[in-house]
Amino acid sequence: MADTAMSGAGSTGGDDPLQRAIWRLRSRGCWSDAAALLTPHLHDAGAAVQRTALLVERCLFTGQGWAEAEDALRVAEAVAHDDDERGAAACERGQLAYAATVLGVRDRSDEARSALGRAAALLSPGSRTRPLLDFRRGLVAEHLADAPQSARPAYRRAHAGALAHGDTLLLSFTWRHLAALSLRDGEVAEARKGFAESLRIREDLGFLIGTAPALAALAEAEPEPEAARLRAEARRLFHLLGGIPTWLADQLHPDRPSPAGV
């Protein structure tokens, strides 16, 4: 499986003490605690969307917390006042529906496409949310529509947008998913480069919860014994974090093929 991004603007929080605290919790998989820090600020559309995104990411990594994420999403939709705010909320609705579909909870693929399409119509061309939207539309194309030829340009748009907006965390996702498409096409050297860059970014940012998936992905493009070393490190982190992300368990088994992804 491949992990998926939530809003990464600011990533580590910069100079904002609240955002730094949220990042520290999120990066270790403490999504509920991170979301709780935003509860006093839910009158603000940005805070409501960020809280939703944290809880949606928890669903994707753990397969749990769906009702709480839905409740947070309804709050974010209710407090949105302009098109960009409504578009950001729609982007999270699309991501929640995508997660439920790809994890086999319930087929919400039509809802995912509809919500992301609505987000595309609402967000301004220069919105900081648009690169994230492009990335998520790539995920839907690749994993729900089985159309990697459509996913690649979406990932490339997301990559360019993440560079333009300085969204380093999102770059770790775009590098990784473009690399996965390269590996699928037999371009092993290109895949190795992308997976390695994704891992480097996550380690530099301290995105602990996303490091084991990045290690496992790089292992797919490396020869033995380096692949075995990377998988062993991924397993160590996976167990350290209590078996999260849950969908990584099968991929870390050396005798099983990588599952089709999140």
C-alpha atoms as a PDB file:
ATOM      1  CA  MET A   1       0.000   0.000   0.000  1.00  0.00           C
ATOM      2  CA  ALA A   2       0.975   3.606  -0.430  1.00  0.00           C
ATOM      3  CA  ASP A   3       0.302   6.238   2.176  1.00  0.00           C
ATOM      4  CA  THR A   4      -1.628   9.373   1.399  1.00  0.00           C
ATOM      5  CA  ALA A   5      -1.183  13.007   2.291  1.00  0.00           C
ATOM      6  CA  MET A   6      -3.135  15.418   4.393  1.00  0.00           C
ATOM      7  CA  SER A   7      -2.569  19.155   4.278  1.00  0.00           C
ATOM      8  CA  GLY A   8       1.140  19.593   4.732  1.00  0.00           C
ATOM      9  CA  ALA A   9       1.447  23.352   4.552  1.00  0.00           C
ATOM     10  CA  GLY A  10       3.948  24.390   7.162  1.00  0.00           C
ATOM     11  CA  SER A  11       4.628  20.747   8.010  1.00  0.00           C
ATOM     12  CA  THR A  12       6.628  21.159  11.212  1.00  0.00           C
ATOM     13  CA  GLY A  13       4.716  24.263  12.313  1.00  0.00           C
ATOM     14  CA  GLY A  14       7.345  26.945  11.746  1.00  0.00           C
ATOM     15  CA  ASP A  15       7.296  29.606  14.452  1.00  0.00           C
ATOM     16  CA  ASP A  16       3.731  28.890  15.608  1.00  0.00           C
ATOM     17  CA  PRO A  17       3.780  27.085  18.997  1.00  0.00           C
ATOM     18  CA  LEU A  18       0.361  25.515  18.390  1.00  0.00           C
ATOM     19  CA  GLN A  19       1.354  24.183  14.990  1.00  0.00           C
ATOM     20  CA  ARG A  20       4.656  22.862  16.333  1.00  0.00           C
ATOM     21  CA  ALA A  21       2.796  20.987  19.063  1.00  0.00           C
ATOM     22  CA  ILE A  22       0.342  19.568  16.513  1.00  0.00           C
ATOM     23  CA  TRP A  23       3.222  18.445  14.305  1.00  0.00           C
ATOM     24  CA  ARG A  24       5.030  16.684  17.155  1.00  0.00           C
ATOM     25  CA  LEU A  25       1.897  14.701  17.981  1.00  0.00           C
ATOM     26  CA  ARG A  26       0.880  13.983  14.396  1.00  0.00           C
ATOM     27  CA  SER A  27       4.345  12.854  13.351  1.00  0.00           C
ATOM     28  CA  ARG A  28       4.235  10.165  16.062  1.00  0.00           C
ATOM     29  CA  GLY A  29       0.736   8.972  15.234  1.00  0.00           C
ATOM     30  CA  CYS A  30      -1.043  10.786  18.093  1.00  0.00           C
ATOM     31  CA  TRP A  31      -3.793  12.163  15.854  1.00  0.00           C
ATOM     32  CA  SER A  32      -6.524  12.405  18.496  1.00  0.00           C
ATOM     33  CA  ASP A  33      -4.284  14.437  20.800  1.00  0.00           C
ATOM     34  CA  ALA A  34      -3.252  16.689  17.920  1.00  0.00           C
ATOM     35  CA  ALA A  35      -6.880  17.205  16.886  1.00  0.00           C
ATOM     36  CA  ALA A  36      -7.847  18.044  20.479  1.00  0.00           C
ATOM     37  CA  LEU A  37      -5.484  21.038  20.415  1.00  0.00           C
ATOM     38  CA  LEU A  38      -7.629  22.531  17.643  1.00  0.00           C
ATOM     39  CA  THR A  39     -10.990  22.032  19.359  1.00  0.00           C
ATOM     40  CA  PRO A  40     -11.042  25.534  20.926  1.00  0.00           C
ATOM     41  CA  HIS A  41     -10.530  27.063  17.470  1.00  0.00           C
ATOM     42  CA  LEU A  42     -13.303  25.377  15.469  1.00  0.00           C
ATOM     43  CA  HIS A  43     -15.004  28.692  14.680  1.00  0.00           C
ATOM     44  CA  ASP A  44     -12.083  29.172  12.271  1.00  0.00           C
ATOM     45  CA  ALA A  45     -12.512  27.315   8.978  1.00  0.00           C
ATOM     46  CA  GLY A  46      -8.795  26.618   8.632  1.00  0.00           C
ATOM     47  CA  ALA A  47      -8.602  25.020  12.062  1.00  0.00           C
ATOM     48  CA  ALA A  48     -11.729  22.973  11.403  1.00  0.00           C
ATOM     49  CA  VAL A  49     -10.304  21.618   8.147  1.00  0.00           C
ATOM     50  CA  GLN A  50      -6.944  20.864   9.764  1.00  0.00           C
ATOM     51  CA  ARG A  51      -8.669  18.961  12.581  1.00  0.00           C
ATOM     52  CA  THR A  52     -10.648  16.992  10.001  1.00  0.00           C
ATOM     53  CA  ALA A  53      -7.494  16.191   8.059  1.00  0.00           C
ATOM     54  CA  LEU A  54      -5.795  14.836  11.193  1.00  0.00           C
ATOM     55  CA  LEU A  55      -8.714  12.547  11.955  1.00  0.00           C
ATOM     56  CA  VAL A  56      -8.990  11.387   8.338  1.00  0.00           C
ATOM     57  CA  GLU A  57      -5.290  10.545   8.392  1.00  0.00           C
ATOM     58  CA  ARG A  58      -5.889   8.516  11.558  1.00  0.00           C
ATOM     59  CA  CYS A  59      -8.564   6.531   9.700  1.00  0.00           C
ATOM     60  CA  LEU A  60      -6.160   5.811   6.884  1.00  0.00           C
ATOM     61  CA  PHE A  61      -3.299   4.708   9.122  1.00  0.00           C
ATOM     62  CA  THR A  62      -5.334   2.747  11.688  1.00  0.00           C
ATOM     63  CA  GLY A  63      -8.619   1.815  10.000  1.00  0.00           C
ATOM     64  CA  GLN A  64     -10.448   3.315  12.989  1.00  0.00           C
ATOM     65  CA  GLY A  65     -12.182   6.543  14.005  1.00  0.00           C
ATOM     66  CA  TRP A  66     -14.512   6.913  11.025  1.00  0.00           C
ATOM     67  CA  ALA A  67     -17.450   8.415  12.933  1.00  0.00           C
ATOM     68  CA  GLU A  68     -15.275  11.047  14.613  1.00  0.00           C
ATOM     69  CA  ALA A  69     -13.768  12.004  11.253  1.00  0.00           C
ATOM     70  CA  GLU A  70     -17.251  12.335   9.727  1.00  0.00           C
ATOM     71  CA  ASP A  71     -18.365  14.564  12.602  1.00  0.00           C
ATOM     72  CA  ALA A  72     -15.284  16.767  12.221  1.00  0.00           C
ATOM     73  CA  LEU A  73     -15.901  17.009   8.482  1.00  0.00           C
ATOM     74  CA  ARG A  74     -19.474  18.191   9.001  1.00  0.00           C
ATOM     75  CA  VAL A  75     -18.187  20.926  11.322  1.00  0.00           C
ATOM     76  CA  ALA A  76     -15.604  22.005   8.732  1.00  0.00           C
ATOM     77  CA  GLU A  77     -18.271  22.157   6.031  1.00  0.00           C
ATOM     78  CA  ALA A  78     -20.584  24.167   8.299  1.00  0.00           C
ATOM     79  CA  VAL A  79     -18.044  26.875   9.198  1.00  0.00           C
ATOM     80  CA  ALA A  80     -16.669  27.325   5.660  1.00  0.00           C
ATOM     81  CA  HIS A  81     -17.638  30.764   4.313  1.00  0.00           C
ATOM     82  CA  ASP A  82     -15.841  31.269   0.999  1.00  0.00           C
ATOM     83  CA  ASP A  83     -15.018  29.105  -2.003  1.00  0.00           C
ATOM     84  CA  ASP A  84     -11.480  28.260  -0.907  1.00  0.00           C
ATOM     85  CA  GLU A  85     -12.713  27.147   2.527  1.00  0.00           C
ATOM     86  CA  ARG A  86     -15.526  25.099   0.988  1.00  0.00           C
ATOM     87  CA  GLY A  87     -13.052  23.643  -1.494  1.00  0.00           C
ATOM     88  CA  ALA A  88     -10.662  22.615   1.286  1.00  0.00           C
ATOM     89  CA  ALA A  89     -13.511  20.893   3.141  1.00  0.00           C
ATOM     90  CA  ALA A  90     -14.584  19.121  -0.055  1.00  0.00           C
ATOM     91  CA  CYS A  91     -10.995  17.929  -0.532  1.00  0.00           C
ATOM     92  CA  GLU A  92     -11.151  16.290   2.909  1.00  0.00           C
ATOM     93  CA  ARG A  93     -14.516  14.695   2.115  1.00  0.00           C
ATOM     94  CA  GLY A  94     -12.956  13.205  -0.990  1.00  0.00           C
ATOM     95  CA  GLN A  95     -10.023  11.887   1.021  1.00  0.00           C
ATOM     96  CA  LEU A  96     -12.264  10.305   3.663  1.00  0.00           C
ATOM     97  CA  ALA A  97     -14.365   8.604   0.993  1.00  0.00           C
ATOM     98  CA  TYR A  98     -11.187   7.437  -0.767  1.00  0.00           C
ATOM     99  CA  ALA A  99      -9.785   5.995   2.473  1.00  0.00           C
ATOM    100  CA  ALA A 100     -12.997   4.105   3.227  1.00  0.00           C
ATOM    101  CA  THR A 101     -12.976   2.653  -0.280  1.00  0.00           C
ATOM    102  CA  VAL A 102      -9.331   1.664  -0.531  1.00  0.00           C
ATOM    103  CA  LEU A 103      -9.319   0.080   2.953  1.00  0.00           C
ATOM    104  CA  GLY A 104     -12.417  -1.940   2.091  1.00  0.00           C
ATOM    105  CA  VAL A 105     -14.659  -0.355   4.723  1.00  0.00           C
ATOM    106  CA  ARG A 106     -17.299   0.714   2.183  1.00  0.00           C
ATOM    107  CA  ASP A 107     -17.283   1.568  -1.493  1.00  0.00           C
ATOM    108  CA  ARG A 108     -17.469   5.347  -1.586  1.00  0.00           C
ATOM    109  CA  SER A 109     -15.575   5.780  -4.846  1.00  0.00           C
ATOM    110  CA  ASP A 110     -18.310   7.857  -6.489  1.00  0.00           C
ATOM    111  CA  GLU A 111     -18.391  10.166  -3.477  1.00  0.00           C
ATOM    112  CA  ALA A 112     -14.596  10.509  -3.582  1.00  0.00           C
ATOM    113  CA  ARG A 113     -14.627  11.524  -7.249  1.00  0.00           C
ATOM    114  CA  SER A 114     -17.558  13.900  -6.782  1.00  0.00           C
ATOM    115  CA  ALA A 115     -16.061  15.623  -3.742  1.00  0.00           C
ATOM    116  CA  LEU A 116     -12.646  16.089  -5.347  1.00  0.00           C
ATOM    117  CA  GLY A 117     -14.311  17.392  -8.496  1.00  0.00           C
ATOM    118  CA  ARG A 118     -16.233  19.909  -6.396  1.00  0.00           C
ATOM    119  CA  ALA A 119     -13.010  20.943  -4.692  1.00  0.00           C
ATOM    120  CA  ALA A 120     -11.390  21.505  -8.089  1.00  0.00           C
ATOM    121  CA  ALA A 121     -14.248  23.805  -9.093  1.00  0.00           C
ATOM    122  CA  LEU A 122     -14.114  25.807  -5.848  1.00  0.00           C
ATOM    123  CA  LEU A 123     -10.396  26.254  -5.184  1.00  0.00           C
ATOM    124  CA  SER A 124      -8.661  29.230  -6.740  1.00  0.00           C
ATOM    125  CA  PRO A 125      -5.756  28.467  -9.093  1.00  0.00           C
ATOM    126  CA  GLY A 126      -3.243  29.772  -6.547  1.00  0.00           C
ATOM    127  CA  SER A 127      -4.736  28.059  -3.504  1.00  0.00           C
ATOM    128  CA  ARG A 128      -2.275  26.249  -1.232  1.00  0.00           C
ATOM    129  CA  THR A 129      -4.742  23.355  -1.170  1.00  0.00           C
ATOM    130  CA  ARG A 130      -4.625  22.776  -4.935  1.00  0.00           C
ATOM    131  CA  PRO A 131      -1.383  20.723  -4.980  1.00  0.00           C
ATOM    132  CA  LEU A 132      -2.863  18.452  -2.316  1.00  0.00           C
ATOM    133  CA  LEU A 133      -6.030  18.156  -4.391  1.00  0.00           C
ATOM    134  CA  ASP A 134      -4.002  17.240  -7.482  1.00  0.00           C
ATOM    135  CA  PHE A 135      -2.195  14.574  -5.483  1.00  0.00           C
ATOM    136  CA  ARG A 136      -5.425  13.074  -4.198  1.00  0.00           C
ATOM    137  CA  ARG A 137      -6.969  13.053  -7.656  1.00  0.00           C
ATOM    138  CA  GLY A 138      -3.906  11.102  -8.737  1.00  0.00           C
ATOM    139  CA  LEU A 139      -4.556   8.569  -5.969  1.00  0.00           C
ATOM    140  CA  VAL A 140      -8.138   8.105  -7.128  1.00  0.00           C
ATOM    141  CA  ALA A 141      -6.995   7.665 -10.718  1.00  0.00           C
ATOM    142  CA  GLU A 142      -4.312   5.132  -9.796  1.00  0.00           C
ATOM    143  CA  HIS A 143      -5.986   3.092  -7.074  1.00  0.00           C
ATOM    144  CA  LEU A 144      -9.730   3.402  -7.707  1.00  0.00           C
ATOM    145  CA  ALA A 145      -9.843   3.790 -11.496  1.00  0.00           C
ATOM    146  CA  ASP A 146      -6.702   1.712 -12.198  1.00  0.00           C
ATOM    147  CA  ALA A 147      -5.536   4.449 -14.567  1.00  0.00           C
ATOM    148  CA  PRO A 148      -1.848   5.108 -13.833  1.00  0.00           C
ATOM    149  CA  GLN A 149      -1.547   7.031 -17.100  1.00  0.00           C
ATOM    150  CA  SER A 150      -3.949   9.609 -15.627  1.00  0.00           C
ATOM    151  CA  ALA A 151      -2.362   9.503 -12.176  1.00  0.00           C
ATOM    152  CA  ARG A 152       1.113  10.477 -13.387  1.00  0.00           C
ATOM    153  CA  PRO A 153       0.245  14.004 -14.658  1.00  0.00           C
ATOM    154  CA  ALA A 154      -1.806  14.631 -11.501  1.00  0.00           C
ATOM    155  CA  TYR A 155       1.167  13.651  -9.321  1.00  0.00           C
ATOM    156  CA  ARG A 156       3.445  15.847 -11.417  1.00  0.00           C
ATOM    157  CA  ARG A 157       1.133  18.849 -11.003  1.00  0.00           C
ATOM    158  CA  ALA A 158       1.048  18.184  -7.266  1.00  0.00           C
ATOM    159  CA  HIS A 159       4.844  17.936  -7.185  1.00  0.00           C
ATOM    160  CA  ALA A 160       5.281  21.246  -9.012  1.00  0.00           C
ATOM    161  CA  GLY A 161       2.711  22.909  -6.756  1.00  0.00           C
ATOM    162  CA  ALA A 162       4.343  21.564  -3.608  1.00  0.00           C
ATOM    163  CA  LEU A 163       7.666  22.983  -4.775  1.00  0.00           C
ATOM    164  CA  ALA A 164       6.079  26.356  -5.522  1.00  0.00           C
ATOM    165  CA  HIS A 165       4.392  26.545  -2.109  1.00  0.00           C
ATOM    166  CA  GLY A 166       7.295  25.111  -0.130  1.00  0.00           C
ATOM    167  CA  ASP A 167       5.231  22.141   1.055  1.00  0.00           C
ATOM    168  CA  THR A 168       8.107  19.782   1.820  1.00  0.00           C
ATOM    169  CA  LEU A 169       5.987  17.062   3.384  1.00  0.00           C
ATOM    170  CA  LEU A 170       3.733  16.833   0.346  1.00  0.00           C
ATOM    171  CA  LEU A 171       6.883  16.508  -1.775  1.00  0.00           C
ATOM    172  CA  SER A 172       7.720  13.338   0.148  1.00  0.00           C
ATOM    173  CA  PHE A 173       4.415  11.888  -1.038  1.00  0.00           C
ATOM    174  CA  THR A 174       4.722  13.025  -4.653  1.00  0.00           C
ATOM    175  CA  TRP A 175       8.302  11.717  -4.907  1.00  0.00           C
ATOM    176  CA  ARG A 176       7.145   8.385  -3.576  1.00  0.00           C
ATOM    177  CA  HIS A 177       4.106   7.944  -5.804  1.00  0.00           C
ATOM    178  CA  LEU A 178       5.913   9.023  -8.947  1.00  0.00           C
ATOM    179  CA  ALA A 179       8.631   6.521  -7.991  1.00  0.00           C
ATOM    180  CA  ALA A 180       6.031   3.772  -7.603  1.00  0.00           C
ATOM    181  CA  LEU A 181       4.796   4.438 -11.140  1.00  0.00           C
ATOM    182  CA  SER A 182       8.375   4.325 -12.413  1.00  0.00           C
ATOM    183  CA  LEU A 183       8.892   0.982 -10.688  1.00  0.00           C
ATOM    184  CA  ARG A 184       5.674  -0.279 -12.222  1.00  0.00           C
ATOM    185  CA  ASP A 185       7.101   0.652 -15.631  1.00  0.00           C
ATOM    186  CA  GLY A 186      10.400  -1.117 -14.927  1.00  0.00           C
ATOM    187  CA  GLU A 187      12.397   2.101 -14.458  1.00  0.00           C
ATOM    188  CA  VAL A 188      14.200   0.859 -11.362  1.00  0.00           C
ATOM    189  CA  ALA A 189      16.903   3.541 -11.156  1.00  0.00           C
ATOM    190  CA  GLU A 190      14.332   6.332 -11.419  1.00  0.00           C
ATOM    191  CA  ALA A 191      12.173   4.606  -8.818  1.00  0.00           C
ATOM    192  CA  ARG A 192      15.112   4.213  -6.447  1.00  0.00           C
ATOM    193  CA  LYS A 193      15.896   7.921  -6.738  1.00  0.00           C
ATOM    194  CA  GLY A 194      12.330   8.951  -5.933  1.00  0.00           C
ATOM    195  CA  PHE A 195      11.914   6.538  -3.022  1.00  0.00           C
ATOM    196  CA  ALA A 196      15.249   7.649  -1.553  1.00  0.00           C
ATOM    197  CA  GLU A 197      14.277  11.319  -1.777  1.00  0.00           C
ATOM    198  CA  SER A 198      10.942  10.620  -0.086  1.00  0.00           C
ATOM    199  CA  LEU A 199      12.699   8.799   2.748  1.00  0.00           C
ATOM    200  CA  ARG A 200      15.278  11.576   3.137  1.00  0.00           C
ATOM    201  CA  ILE A 201      12.570  14.228   3.476  1.00  0.00           C
ATOM    202  CA  ARG A 202      10.632  12.243   6.057  1.00  0.00           C
ATOM    203  CA  GLU A 203      13.707  11.582   8.126  1.00  0.00           C
ATOM    204  CA  ASP A 204      14.734  15.252   7.933  1.00  0.00           C
ATOM    205  CA  LEU A 205      11.269  16.409   9.015  1.00  0.00           C
ATOM    206  CA  GLY A 206      10.995  13.817  11.767  1.00  0.00           C
ATOM    207  CA  PHE A 207       7.832  12.350  10.223  1.00  0.00           C
ATOM    208  CA  LEU A 208       8.212   9.141  12.191  1.00  0.00           C
ATOM    209  CA  ILE A 209       4.815   7.677  11.347  1.00  0.00           C
ATOM    210  CA  GLY A 210       5.628   7.932   7.633  1.00  0.00           C
ATOM    211  CA  THR A 211       9.185   6.607   7.792  1.00  0.00           C
ATOM    212  CA  ALA A 212       8.452   2.870   7.902  1.00  0.00           C
ATOM    213  CA  PRO A 213       6.341   3.051   4.694  1.00  0.00           C
ATOM    214  CA  ALA A 214       9.139   5.025   3.018  1.00  0.00           C
ATOM    215  CA  LEU A 215      11.744   2.419   4.044  1.00  0.00           C
ATOM    216  CA  ALA A 216       9.552  -0.418   2.775  1.00  0.00           C
ATOM    217  CA  ALA A 217       8.979   1.373  -0.517  1.00  0.00           C
ATOM    218  CA  LEU A 218      12.707   1.921  -1.083  1.00  0.00           C
ATOM    219  CA  ALA A 219      13.310  -1.762  -0.354  1.00  0.00           C
ATOM    220  CA  GLU A 220      11.187  -2.614  -3.409  1.00  0.00           C
ATOM    221  CA  ALA A 221      13.740  -0.890  -5.643  1.00  0.00           C
ATOM    222  CA  GLU A 222      16.939  -2.074  -3.970  1.00  0.00           C
ATOM    223  CA  PRO A 223      18.808  -5.375  -4.495  1.00  0.00           C
ATOM    224  CA  GLU A 224      19.624  -7.722  -1.640  1.00  0.00           C
ATOM    225  CA  PRO A 225      21.053  -7.466   0.970  1.00  0.00           C
ATOM    226  CA  GLU A 226      20.148  -3.747   1.132  1.00  0.00           C
ATOM    227  CA  ALA A 227      16.455  -4.533   0.605  1.00  0.00           C
ATOM    228  CA  ALA A 228      16.476  -6.878   3.586  1.00  0.00           C
ATOM    229  CA  ARG A 229      18.184  -4.245   5.749  1.00  0.00           C
ATOM    230  CA  LEU A 230      15.580  -1.634   4.810  1.00  0.00           C
ATOM    231  CA  ARG A 231      12.699  -3.997   5.541  1.00  0.00           C
ATOM    232  CA  ALA A 232      14.215  -4.895   8.902  1.00  0.00           C
ATOM    233  CA  GLU A 233      14.439  -1.211   9.837  1.00  0.00           C
ATOM    234  CA  ALA A 234      10.871  -0.662   8.629  1.00  0.00           C
ATOM    235  CA  ARG A 235       9.675  -3.576  10.771  1.00  0.00           C
ATOM    236  CA  ARG A 236      11.479  -2.143  13.800  1.00  0.00           C
ATOM    237  CA  LEU A 237       9.740   1.215  13.418  1.00  0.00           C
ATOM    238  CA  PHE A 238       6.417  -0.434  12.622  1.00  0.00           C
ATOM    239  CA  HIS A 239       6.476  -2.373  15.894  1.00  0.00           C
ATOM    240  CA  LEU A 240       7.809   0.630  17.822  1.00  0.00           C
ATOM    241  CA  LEU A 241       4.711   2.561  16.734  1.00  0.00           C
ATOM    242  CA  GLY A 242       2.326  -0.220  17.736  1.00  0.00           C
ATOM    243  CA  GLY A 243       1.719  -1.710  14.307  1.00  0.00           C
ATOM    244  CA  ILE A 244       0.826   1.518  12.526  1.00  0.00           C
ATOM    245  CA  PRO A 245       0.110   1.952   9.677  1.00  0.00           C
ATOM    246  CA  THR A 246      -1.924  -1.231   9.878  1.00  0.00           C
ATOM    247  CA  TRP A 247      -1.828  -1.803   6.113  1.00  0.00           C
ATOM    248  CA  LEU A 248       1.982  -2.056   6.136  1.00  0.00           C
ATOM    249  CA  ALA A 249       2.012  -5.424   7.941  1.00  0.00           C
ATOM    250  CA  ASP A 250       1.686  -7.591   4.817  1.00  0.00           C
ATOM    251  CA  GLN A 251       4.190  -5.521   2.843  1.00  0.00           C
ATOM    252  CA  LEU A 252       6.844  -6.025   5.498  1.00  0.00           C
ATOM    253  CA  HIS A 253       6.574  -9.798   5.221  1.00  0.00           C
ATOM    254  CA  PRO A 254       9.494 -10.700   2.910  1.00  0.00           C
ATOM    255  CA  ASP A 255       7.655 -13.581   1.234  1.00  0.00           C
ATOM    256  CA  ARG A 256       4.559 -11.654   0.255  1.00  0.00           C
ATOM    257  CA  PRO A 257       4.054  -9.271  -2.675  1.00  0.00           C
ATOM    258  CA  SER A 258       3.286  -5.637  -1.966  1.00  0.00           C
ATOM    259  CA  PRO A 259      -0.474  -5.102  -1.827  1.00  0.00           C
ATOM    260  CA  ALA A 260      -2.226  -2.679  -4.148  1.00  0.00           C
ATOM    261  CA  GLY A 261      -2.379   0.503  -2.333  1.00  0.00           C
ATOM    262  CA  VAL A 262      -3.834   3.170  -0.293  1.00  0.00           C
END
